[in-house]
Amino acid sequence: MPRAAAILVLLAGIGLLLSGVMLPEATAQVPPEKDAGWQSDVGGLRHFTGLRCPDVVGTFFRIKAMEGDADSLAGCIYTGRNGITAVLRKHLQSGGRRQALKFSRNYKAAGFEPITLTGAAASGISFRTRNWTPTSLCETLWYFSGTDADYTLWLAYTLPTQDIEVGPALDSFTDILAKQN
């Protein structure tokens, strides 16, 4: 598929995703406690748990709001340049460390190679999840302890092409986390 056509398909898919997932139906009369767990906020959205997810974080755009589950109170998925992906999650206090341990155990059990990186990625838990192509897919998880809650940030990116984007991404997300509590 020519590159221009692939970009158009990607943009159309993002447009469909945003129109179907991000925008509440104008005619829906759903009480707030029964909807997806978030409401509009200046520059983004605020989950009922209090997690604020801006529409834009650094070079990342929010593409999906996530409800809470057994492990996380709420979260959002972001996409950056060239397909780098970020997932920001809020957890109960002291839950971030448990999530990091679970992440590490599950990735090791799946046979992924733990790797030690430099720079911003050195402070996270990293695994190489694809190494059969010229670029390796890497996934890194960081956890942060806040005053009232814990947070995790997961990034998926390629090495060596996107490693320079990890530091600015981590800085951008930690800036918004610093404003959470």
N, C-alpha and C. Protein backbone atom coordinates (compact mmCIF):
# COMPACT_ATOMS: atom_id res chain seq x y z
N MET A 1 0.85 -1.16 0.00
CA MET A 1 0.00 0.00 0.00
C MET A 1 0.90 1.23 0.00
N PRO A 2 0.69 2.19 -0.89
CA PRO A 2 1.51 3.39 -0.90
C PRO A 2 1.41 4.12 0.45
N ARG A 3 2.46 4.82 0.81
CA ARG A 3 2.52 5.49 2.11
C ARG A 3 1.36 6.47 2.30
N ALA A 4 1.03 7.26 1.26
CA ALA A 4 -0.06 8.24 1.38
C ALA A 4 -1.38 7.54 1.66
N ALA A 5 -1.63 6.42 1.00
CA ALA A 5 -2.87 5.68 1.23
C ALA A 5 -2.90 5.10 2.64
N ALA A 6 -1.77 4.62 3.12
CA ALA A 6 -1.70 4.07 4.47
C ALA A 6 -1.98 5.16 5.50
N ILE A 7 -1.46 6.36 5.27
CA ILE A 7 -1.70 7.47 6.19
C ILE A 7 -3.18 7.83 6.18
N LEU A 8 -3.81 7.87 5.00
CA LEU A 8 -5.23 8.17 4.93
C LEU A 8 -6.07 7.13 5.66
N VAL A 9 -5.70 5.86 5.52
CA VAL A 9 -6.42 4.79 6.22
C VAL A 9 -6.26 4.96 7.73
N LEU A 10 -5.04 5.28 8.18
CA LEU A 10 -4.78 5.50 9.60
C LEU A 10 -5.59 6.68 10.12
N LEU A 11 -5.59 7.79 9.39
CA LEU A 11 -6.35 8.97 9.82
C LEU A 11 -7.84 8.69 9.85
N ALA A 12 -8.34 7.95 8.88
CA ALA A 12 -9.76 7.59 8.87
C ALA A 12 -10.09 6.73 10.08
N GLY A 13 -9.21 5.79 10.40
CA GLY A 13 -9.42 4.93 11.56
C GLY A 13 -9.41 5.71 12.85
N ILE A 14 -8.48 6.66 12.99
CA ILE A 14 -8.44 7.50 14.18
C ILE A 14 -9.70 8.35 14.27
N GLY A 15 -10.14 8.88 13.13
CA GLY A 15 -11.38 9.66 13.11
C GLY A 15 -12.57 8.84 13.56
N LEU A 16 -12.66 7.61 13.09
CA LEU A 16 -13.76 6.74 13.52
C LEU A 16 -13.66 6.43 15.00
N LEU A 17 -12.45 6.16 15.46
CA LEU A 17 -12.24 5.87 16.87
C LEU A 17 -12.67 7.06 17.73
N LEU A 18 -12.23 8.26 17.34
CA LEU A 18 -12.57 9.44 18.12
C LEU A 18 -14.07 9.72 18.09
N SER A 19 -14.70 9.54 16.94
CA SER A 19 -16.12 9.83 16.86
C SER A 19 -16.94 8.79 17.59
N GLY A 20 -16.47 7.56 17.65
CA GLY A 20 -17.24 6.51 18.30
C GLY A 20 -16.93 6.30 19.76
N VAL A 21 -15.72 6.67 20.19
CA VAL A 21 -15.34 6.38 21.56
C VAL A 21 -15.27 7.64 22.41
N MET A 22 -14.75 8.71 21.86
CA MET A 22 -14.44 9.88 22.66
C MET A 22 -15.62 10.83 22.87
N LEU A 23 -16.53 10.87 21.95
CA LEU A 23 -17.59 11.85 22.06
C LEU A 23 -18.88 11.22 22.56
N PRO A 24 -19.41 11.67 23.69
CA PRO A 24 -20.67 11.11 24.16
C PRO A 24 -21.79 11.50 23.22
N GLU A 25 -22.76 10.64 23.08
CA GLU A 25 -23.88 10.89 22.20
C GLU A 25 -24.70 12.04 22.74
N ALA A 26 -24.99 13.04 21.92
CA ALA A 26 -25.67 14.24 22.36
C ALA A 26 -27.08 13.95 22.86
N THR A 27 -27.74 12.94 22.33
CA THR A 27 -29.11 12.66 22.72
C THR A 27 -29.23 11.69 23.89
N ALA A 28 -28.12 11.13 24.33
CA ALA A 28 -28.18 10.16 25.43
C ALA A 28 -28.53 10.88 26.73
N GLN A 29 -29.47 10.32 27.45
CA GLN A 29 -29.88 10.85 28.75
C GLN A 29 -29.46 9.86 29.83
N VAL A 30 -28.16 9.73 30.01
CA VAL A 30 -27.62 8.77 30.96
C VAL A 30 -27.17 9.52 32.20
N PRO A 31 -27.62 9.10 33.38
CA PRO A 31 -27.15 9.75 34.60
C PRO A 31 -25.62 9.63 34.71
N PRO A 32 -24.94 10.66 35.23
CA PRO A 32 -23.48 10.64 35.29
C PRO A 32 -22.90 9.38 35.94
N GLU A 33 -23.51 8.87 36.98
CA GLU A 33 -22.95 7.69 37.65
C GLU A 33 -23.09 6.42 36.82
N LYS A 34 -23.83 6.47 35.73
CA LYS A 34 -24.02 5.29 34.89
C LYS A 34 -23.22 5.36 33.60
N ASP A 35 -22.55 6.49 33.32
CA ASP A 35 -21.82 6.58 32.05
C ASP A 35 -20.43 5.98 32.20
N ALA A 36 -19.55 6.28 31.29
CA ALA A 36 -18.24 5.62 31.23
C ALA A 36 -17.30 6.01 32.36
N GLY A 37 -17.70 6.90 33.25
CA GLY A 37 -16.87 7.24 34.38
C GLY A 37 -16.01 8.47 34.22
N TRP A 38 -16.37 9.37 33.32
CA TRP A 38 -15.60 10.59 33.15
C TRP A 38 -16.50 11.70 32.66
N GLN A 39 -16.01 12.92 32.78
CA GLN A 39 -16.73 14.08 32.27
C GLN A 39 -15.75 15.06 31.66
N SER A 40 -16.25 15.96 30.83
CA SER A 40 -15.40 16.95 30.19
C SER A 40 -14.77 17.85 31.23
N ASP A 41 -13.55 18.25 30.95
CA ASP A 41 -12.80 19.12 31.83
C ASP A 41 -12.03 20.09 30.93
N VAL A 42 -11.57 21.18 31.46
CA VAL A 42 -10.82 22.15 30.66
C VAL A 42 -9.60 21.46 30.07
N GLY A 43 -9.51 21.43 28.75
CA GLY A 43 -8.36 20.86 28.07
C GLY A 43 -8.34 19.35 28.03
N GLY A 44 -9.41 18.68 28.41
CA GLY A 44 -9.42 17.22 28.39
C GLY A 44 -10.62 16.64 29.08
N LEU A 45 -10.37 15.66 29.95
CA LEU A 45 -11.46 15.04 30.69
C LEU A 45 -10.98 14.71 32.10
N ARG A 46 -11.98 14.53 32.98
CA ARG A 46 -11.69 14.14 34.36
C ARG A 46 -12.51 12.89 34.65
N HIS A 47 -11.80 11.84 35.04
CA HIS A 47 -12.48 10.61 35.43
C HIS A 47 -13.15 10.83 36.77
N PHE A 48 -14.18 10.04 37.08
CA PHE A 48 -14.85 10.16 38.37
C PHE A 48 -13.90 9.87 39.51
N THR A 49 -12.82 9.17 39.25
CA THR A 49 -11.82 8.90 40.29
C THR A 49 -10.93 10.10 40.56
N GLY A 50 -11.06 11.14 39.74
CA GLY A 50 -10.25 12.34 39.91
C GLY A 50 -9.09 12.46 38.94
N LEU A 51 -8.75 11.40 38.23
CA LEU A 51 -7.64 11.45 37.28
C LEU A 51 -7.99 12.41 36.15
N ARG A 52 -7.14 13.39 35.94
CA ARG A 52 -7.34 14.33 34.85
C ARG A 52 -6.46 13.90 33.68
N CYS A 53 -7.08 13.76 32.51
CA CYS A 53 -6.38 13.34 31.30
C CYS A 53 -6.53 14.42 30.24
N PRO A 54 -5.49 15.22 30.03
CA PRO A 54 -5.56 16.25 28.99
C PRO A 54 -5.73 15.63 27.60
N ASP A 55 -6.28 16.41 26.68
CA ASP A 55 -6.40 15.95 25.30
C ASP A 55 -5.03 15.76 24.68
N VAL A 56 -4.08 16.64 25.06
CA VAL A 56 -2.72 16.61 24.52
C VAL A 56 -1.73 16.63 25.68
N VAL A 57 -0.76 15.71 25.63
CA VAL A 57 0.32 15.67 26.60
C VAL A 57 1.61 15.65 25.80
N GLY A 58 2.34 16.75 25.81
CA GLY A 58 3.55 16.85 25.00
C GLY A 58 3.19 16.66 23.53
N THR A 59 3.76 15.63 22.90
CA THR A 59 3.46 15.33 21.50
C THR A 59 2.44 14.21 21.36
N PHE A 60 1.77 13.85 22.46
CA PHE A 60 0.80 12.76 22.47
C PHE A 60 -0.63 13.29 22.47
N PHE A 61 -1.50 12.56 21.78
CA PHE A 61 -2.92 12.89 21.73
C PHE A 61 -3.71 11.75 22.37
N ARG A 62 -4.66 12.14 23.24
CA ARG A 62 -5.50 11.12 23.89
C ARG A 62 -6.44 10.54 22.84
N ILE A 63 -6.49 9.20 22.76
CA ILE A 63 -7.37 8.56 21.79
C ILE A 63 -8.44 7.70 22.44
N LYS A 64 -8.30 7.43 23.74
CA LYS A 64 -9.32 6.60 24.39
C LYS A 64 -9.29 6.79 25.89
N ALA A 65 -10.48 6.89 26.48
CA ALA A 65 -10.62 6.89 27.94
C ALA A 65 -10.95 5.47 28.37
N MET A 66 -10.35 5.04 29.45
CA MET A 66 -10.56 3.67 29.93
C MET A 66 -11.23 3.70 31.31
N GLU A 67 -12.21 2.84 31.47
CA GLU A 67 -12.86 2.70 32.77
C GLU A 67 -11.93 1.95 33.71
N GLY A 68 -12.28 2.01 34.98
CA GLY A 68 -11.53 1.26 35.97
C GLY A 68 -11.80 -0.23 35.84
N ASP A 69 -10.91 -1.01 36.43
CA ASP A 69 -11.08 -2.46 36.47
C ASP A 69 -10.57 -2.94 37.82
N ALA A 70 -10.32 -4.22 37.96
CA ALA A 70 -9.88 -4.78 39.24
C ALA A 70 -8.53 -4.23 39.68
N ASP A 71 -7.69 -3.80 38.75
CA ASP A 71 -6.34 -3.33 39.08
C ASP A 71 -6.16 -1.83 39.00
N SER A 72 -6.99 -1.16 38.23
CA SER A 72 -6.80 0.27 37.99
C SER A 72 -8.10 1.02 38.20
N LEU A 73 -7.98 2.26 38.69
CA LEU A 73 -9.17 3.06 38.90
C LEU A 73 -9.66 3.71 37.62
N ALA A 74 -8.74 4.12 36.76
CA ALA A 74 -9.09 4.77 35.49
C ALA A 74 -7.82 4.92 34.67
N GLY A 75 -7.99 5.32 33.42
CA GLY A 75 -6.81 5.53 32.59
C GLY A 75 -7.18 6.06 31.23
N CYS A 76 -6.14 6.42 30.47
CA CYS A 76 -6.32 6.90 29.10
C CYS A 76 -5.18 6.38 28.24
N ILE A 77 -5.50 6.19 26.97
CA ILE A 77 -4.51 5.77 25.98
C ILE A 77 -4.18 6.97 25.11
N TYR A 78 -2.89 7.14 24.86
CA TYR A 78 -2.39 8.24 24.05
C TYR A 78 -1.56 7.67 22.90
N THR A 79 -1.51 8.42 21.80
CA THR A 79 -0.65 8.05 20.69
C THR A 79 0.24 9.23 20.33
N GLY A 80 1.47 8.92 19.99
CA GLY A 80 2.43 9.96 19.64
C GLY A 80 2.92 9.79 18.22
N ARG A 81 3.98 10.49 17.90
CA ARG A 81 4.54 10.45 16.55
C ARG A 81 4.98 9.03 16.19
N ASN A 82 4.77 8.68 14.95
CA ASN A 82 5.25 7.41 14.39
C ASN A 82 4.80 6.18 15.17
N GLY A 83 3.63 6.26 15.79
CA GLY A 83 3.04 5.09 16.41
C GLY A 83 3.45 4.79 17.84
N ILE A 84 4.24 5.64 18.47
CA ILE A 84 4.58 5.41 19.87
C ILE A 84 3.28 5.52 20.68
N THR A 85 3.09 4.61 21.62
CA THR A 85 1.84 4.54 22.38
C THR A 85 2.12 4.69 23.87
N ALA A 86 1.23 5.37 24.57
CA ALA A 86 1.34 5.55 26.02
C ALA A 86 0.01 5.22 26.67
N VAL A 87 0.08 4.58 27.83
CA VAL A 87 -1.12 4.32 28.63
C VAL A 87 -0.85 4.84 30.03
N LEU A 88 -1.66 5.78 30.46
CA LEU A 88 -1.56 6.36 31.79
C LEU A 88 -2.69 5.79 32.63
N ARG A 89 -2.36 5.24 33.82
CA ARG A 89 -3.38 4.63 34.68
C ARG A 89 -3.24 5.15 36.10
N LYS A 90 -4.37 5.24 36.78
CA LYS A 90 -4.41 5.60 38.20
C LYS A 90 -4.77 4.34 38.99
N HIS A 91 -4.09 4.16 40.13
CA HIS A 91 -4.31 2.99 40.99
C HIS A 91 -4.53 3.44 42.42
N LEU A 92 -5.06 2.55 43.23
CA LEU A 92 -5.16 2.83 44.65
C LEU A 92 -3.76 3.09 45.20
N GLN A 93 -3.69 3.83 46.30
CA GLN A 93 -2.39 4.11 46.91
C GLN A 93 -1.65 2.81 47.18
N SER A 94 -0.40 2.74 46.83
CA SER A 94 0.51 1.58 46.91
C SER A 94 0.19 0.52 45.85
N GLY A 95 -0.74 0.78 44.96
CA GLY A 95 -1.06 -0.16 43.89
C GLY A 95 -0.11 -0.09 42.71
N GLY A 96 0.61 1.00 42.56
CA GLY A 96 1.54 1.15 41.43
C GLY A 96 2.67 0.15 41.49
N ARG A 97 3.21 -0.05 42.66
CA ARG A 97 4.30 -1.02 42.81
C ARG A 97 3.81 -2.43 42.50
N ARG A 98 2.62 -2.77 42.97
CA ARG A 98 2.04 -4.09 42.66
C ARG A 98 1.86 -4.27 41.16
N GLN A 99 1.42 -3.22 40.48
CA GLN A 99 1.24 -3.30 39.03
C GLN A 99 2.57 -3.48 38.32
N ALA A 100 3.61 -2.81 38.82
CA ALA A 100 4.93 -2.96 38.22
C ALA A 100 5.45 -4.39 38.39
N LEU A 101 5.25 -4.96 39.57
CA LEU A 101 5.67 -6.35 39.80
C LEU A 101 4.87 -7.31 38.93
N LYS A 102 3.59 -7.06 38.80
CA LYS A 102 2.73 -7.91 37.95
C LYS A 102 3.17 -7.81 36.49
N PHE A 103 3.45 -6.59 36.03
CA PHE A 103 3.94 -6.35 34.68
C PHE A 103 5.21 -7.17 34.43
N SER A 104 6.16 -7.07 35.34
CA SER A 104 7.43 -7.77 35.19
C SER A 104 7.24 -9.29 35.18
N ARG A 105 6.47 -9.81 36.11
CA ARG A 105 6.22 -11.27 36.16
C ARG A 105 5.53 -11.77 34.90
N ASN A 106 4.49 -11.05 34.46
CA ASN A 106 3.73 -11.48 33.29
C ASN A 106 4.57 -11.45 32.01
N TYR A 107 5.38 -10.42 31.83
CA TYR A 107 6.22 -10.34 30.64
C TYR A 107 7.29 -11.41 30.64
N LYS A 108 7.89 -11.66 31.80
CA LYS A 108 8.88 -12.73 31.90
C LYS A 108 8.23 -14.08 31.62
N ALA A 109 7.04 -14.32 32.17
CA ALA A 109 6.33 -15.58 31.96
C ALA A 109 5.97 -15.78 30.49
N ALA A 110 5.73 -14.68 29.78
CA ALA A 110 5.41 -14.76 28.36
C ALA A 110 6.65 -14.98 27.49
N GLY A 111 7.82 -14.96 28.11
CA GLY A 111 9.05 -15.21 27.38
C GLY A 111 9.72 -13.98 26.79
N PHE A 112 9.25 -12.79 27.18
CA PHE A 112 9.88 -11.57 26.67
C PHE A 112 11.19 -11.31 27.39
N GLU A 113 12.11 -10.71 26.67
CA GLU A 113 13.46 -10.45 27.17
C GLU A 113 13.51 -9.15 27.97
N PRO A 114 13.80 -9.23 29.29
CA PRO A 114 13.99 -7.98 30.03
C PRO A 114 15.28 -7.32 29.57
N ILE A 115 15.26 -6.01 29.42
CA ILE A 115 16.45 -5.30 28.95
C ILE A 115 16.73 -4.11 29.87
N THR A 116 17.98 -3.75 29.94
CA THR A 116 18.41 -2.58 30.69
C THR A 116 18.72 -1.48 29.70
N LEU A 117 18.06 -0.35 29.87
CA LEU A 117 18.25 0.77 28.95
C LEU A 117 18.91 1.94 29.66
N THR A 118 19.29 2.93 28.91
CA THR A 118 19.89 4.14 29.47
C THR A 118 18.90 5.28 29.34
N GLY A 119 19.27 6.42 29.88
CA GLY A 119 18.42 7.59 29.78
C GLY A 119 17.16 7.43 30.62
N ALA A 120 16.08 8.05 30.15
CA ALA A 120 14.82 8.04 30.89
C ALA A 120 14.27 6.64 31.09
N ALA A 121 14.48 5.77 30.12
CA ALA A 121 13.96 4.40 30.22
C ALA A 121 14.65 3.60 31.32
N ALA A 122 15.82 4.03 31.77
CA ALA A 122 16.56 3.29 32.80
C ALA A 122 15.79 3.24 34.12
N SER A 123 14.92 4.22 34.36
CA SER A 123 14.17 4.24 35.62
C SER A 123 12.89 3.41 35.55
N GLY A 124 12.60 2.81 34.40
CA GLY A 124 11.42 1.97 34.26
C GLY A 124 11.79 0.50 34.14
N ILE A 125 10.77 -0.32 33.96
CA ILE A 125 10.93 -1.75 33.74
C ILE A 125 10.71 -1.98 32.26
N SER A 126 11.72 -2.49 31.56
CA SER A 126 11.66 -2.59 30.10
C SER A 126 11.81 -4.02 29.61
N PHE A 127 11.09 -4.32 28.54
CA PHE A 127 11.16 -5.61 27.87
C PHE A 127 11.22 -5.40 26.37
N ARG A 128 12.00 -6.24 25.71
CA ARG A 128 12.01 -6.29 24.25
C ARG A 128 10.91 -7.28 23.87
N THR A 129 9.91 -6.81 23.14
CA THR A 129 8.78 -7.67 22.79
C THR A 129 8.76 -8.05 21.31
N ARG A 130 9.69 -7.50 20.55
CA ARG A 130 9.84 -7.90 19.15
C ARG A 130 11.27 -7.65 18.75
N ASN A 131 11.93 -8.68 18.26
CA ASN A 131 13.33 -8.50 17.84
C ASN A 131 13.63 -9.17 16.50
N TRP A 132 12.60 -9.53 15.75
CA TRP A 132 12.82 -10.21 14.48
C TRP A 132 12.74 -9.25 13.29
N THR A 133 12.68 -7.95 13.53
CA THR A 133 12.66 -6.95 12.47
C THR A 133 13.86 -6.02 12.66
N PRO A 134 14.16 -5.16 11.70
CA PRO A 134 15.31 -4.25 11.85
C PRO A 134 15.22 -3.36 13.11
N THR A 135 14.00 -3.02 13.52
CA THR A 135 13.83 -2.27 14.77
C THR A 135 13.19 -3.19 15.80
N SER A 136 13.55 -3.02 17.04
CA SER A 136 13.00 -3.83 18.13
C SER A 136 11.89 -3.07 18.82
N LEU A 137 10.78 -3.74 19.09
CA LEU A 137 9.71 -3.13 19.87
C LEU A 137 10.07 -3.27 21.34
N CYS A 138 9.98 -2.17 22.06
CA CYS A 138 10.30 -2.14 23.47
C CYS A 138 9.08 -1.63 24.22
N GLU A 139 8.83 -2.20 25.39
CA GLU A 139 7.75 -1.73 26.25
C GLU A 139 8.34 -1.46 27.62
N THR A 140 8.05 -0.27 28.13
CA THR A 140 8.58 0.16 29.42
C THR A 140 7.45 0.63 30.30
N LEU A 141 7.50 0.25 31.58
CA LEU A 141 6.50 0.67 32.56
C LEU A 141 7.22 1.39 33.70
N TRP A 142 6.67 2.53 34.06
CA TRP A 142 7.12 3.28 35.24
C TRP A 142 5.97 3.32 36.22
N TYR A 143 6.26 3.34 37.50
CA TYR A 143 5.21 3.57 38.48
C TYR A 143 5.61 4.73 39.38
N PHE A 144 4.60 5.46 39.82
CA PHE A 144 4.80 6.67 40.61
C PHE A 144 3.87 6.64 41.81
N SER A 145 4.36 7.06 42.94
CA SER A 145 3.55 7.15 44.15
C SER A 145 3.14 8.60 44.36
N GLY A 146 1.85 8.82 44.51
CA GLY A 146 1.33 10.15 44.76
C GLY A 146 0.83 10.28 46.18
N THR A 147 0.32 11.44 46.52
CA THR A 147 -0.19 11.69 47.87
C THR A 147 -1.41 10.82 48.16
N ASP A 148 -2.32 10.73 47.20
CA ASP A 148 -3.58 10.01 47.42
C ASP A 148 -3.73 8.77 46.56
N ALA A 149 -2.86 8.58 45.59
CA ALA A 149 -2.99 7.46 44.67
C ALA A 149 -1.64 7.17 44.03
N ASP A 150 -1.56 6.05 43.34
CA ASP A 150 -0.38 5.70 42.56
C ASP A 150 -0.75 5.74 41.08
N TYR A 151 0.27 5.81 40.25
CA TYR A 151 0.06 5.90 38.81
C TYR A 151 1.07 5.02 38.09
N THR A 152 0.68 4.54 36.92
CA THR A 152 1.63 3.85 36.05
C THR A 152 1.57 4.50 34.68
N LEU A 153 2.72 4.47 34.02
CA LEU A 153 2.83 4.93 32.64
C LEU A 153 3.51 3.82 31.87
N TRP A 154 2.87 3.37 30.80
CA TRP A 154 3.40 2.32 29.93
C TRP A 154 3.64 2.94 28.57
N LEU A 155 4.84 2.72 28.02
CA LEU A 155 5.16 3.20 26.68
C LEU A 155 5.58 2.03 25.81
N ALA A 156 5.12 2.02 24.57
CA ALA A 156 5.57 1.06 23.56
C ALA A 156 6.21 1.87 22.45
N TYR A 157 7.47 1.53 22.13
CA TYR A 157 8.23 2.30 21.15
C TYR A 157 9.26 1.38 20.51
N THR A 158 9.85 1.85 19.42
CA THR A 158 10.85 1.04 18.72
C THR A 158 12.26 1.56 19.03
N LEU A 159 13.16 0.61 19.06
CA LEU A 159 14.59 0.92 19.23
C LEU A 159 15.29 0.55 17.93
N PRO A 160 16.17 1.30 17.45
CA PRO A 160 16.73 2.51 18.01
C PRO A 160 16.05 3.79 17.53
N THR A 161 14.97 3.71 16.78
CA THR A 161 14.42 4.90 16.12
C THR A 161 13.66 5.84 17.04
N GLN A 162 13.02 5.36 18.09
CA GLN A 162 12.20 6.23 18.93
C GLN A 162 12.76 6.43 20.33
N ASP A 163 13.94 5.94 20.60
CA ASP A 163 14.48 6.05 21.95
C ASP A 163 14.68 7.51 22.39
N ILE A 164 14.92 8.41 21.46
CA ILE A 164 15.09 9.81 21.83
C ILE A 164 13.77 10.47 22.24
N GLU A 165 12.64 9.84 21.94
CA GLU A 165 11.34 10.39 22.31
C GLU A 165 10.90 9.96 23.70
N VAL A 166 11.58 8.98 24.29
CA VAL A 166 11.17 8.46 25.59
C VAL A 166 11.33 9.50 26.70
N GLY A 167 12.48 10.17 26.75
CA GLY A 167 12.72 11.18 27.78
C GLY A 167 11.69 12.30 27.77
N PRO A 168 11.47 12.96 26.61
CA PRO A 168 10.45 14.01 26.57
C PRO A 168 9.05 13.49 26.90
N ALA A 169 8.73 12.26 26.49
CA ALA A 169 7.41 11.69 26.81
C ALA A 169 7.27 11.51 28.32
N LEU A 170 8.28 10.92 28.94
CA LEU A 170 8.25 10.71 30.39
C LEU A 170 8.13 12.05 31.11
N ASP A 171 8.89 13.06 30.69
CA ASP A 171 8.80 14.39 31.30
C ASP A 171 7.40 14.97 31.17
N SER A 172 6.79 14.86 29.99
CA SER A 172 5.45 15.41 29.77
C SER A 172 4.41 14.74 30.65
N PHE A 173 4.48 13.42 30.75
CA PHE A 173 3.49 12.71 31.57
C PHE A 173 3.74 12.93 33.06
N THR A 174 4.98 13.00 33.50
CA THR A 174 5.23 13.25 34.92
C THR A 174 4.81 14.67 35.29
N ASP A 175 4.88 15.61 34.35
CA ASP A 175 4.39 16.97 34.62
C ASP A 175 2.90 16.98 34.92
N ILE A 176 2.12 16.22 34.13
CA ILE A 176 0.68 16.21 34.41
C ILE A 176 0.38 15.40 35.67
N LEU A 177 1.19 14.38 35.96
CA LEU A 177 0.98 13.64 37.20
C LEU A 177 1.27 14.49 38.43
N ALA A 178 2.26 15.37 38.34
CA ALA A 178 2.59 16.24 39.45
C ALA A 178 1.42 17.16 39.80
N LYS A 179 0.54 17.41 38.86
CA LYS A 179 -0.61 18.28 39.08
C LYS A 179 -1.85 17.49 39.55
N GLN A 180 -1.75 16.18 39.67
CA GLN A 180 -2.90 15.36 40.02
C GLN A 180 -3.26 15.49 41.51
N ASN A 181 -2.28 15.49 42.38
CA ASN A 181 -2.56 15.49 43.83
C ASN A 181 -2.48 16.87 44.42
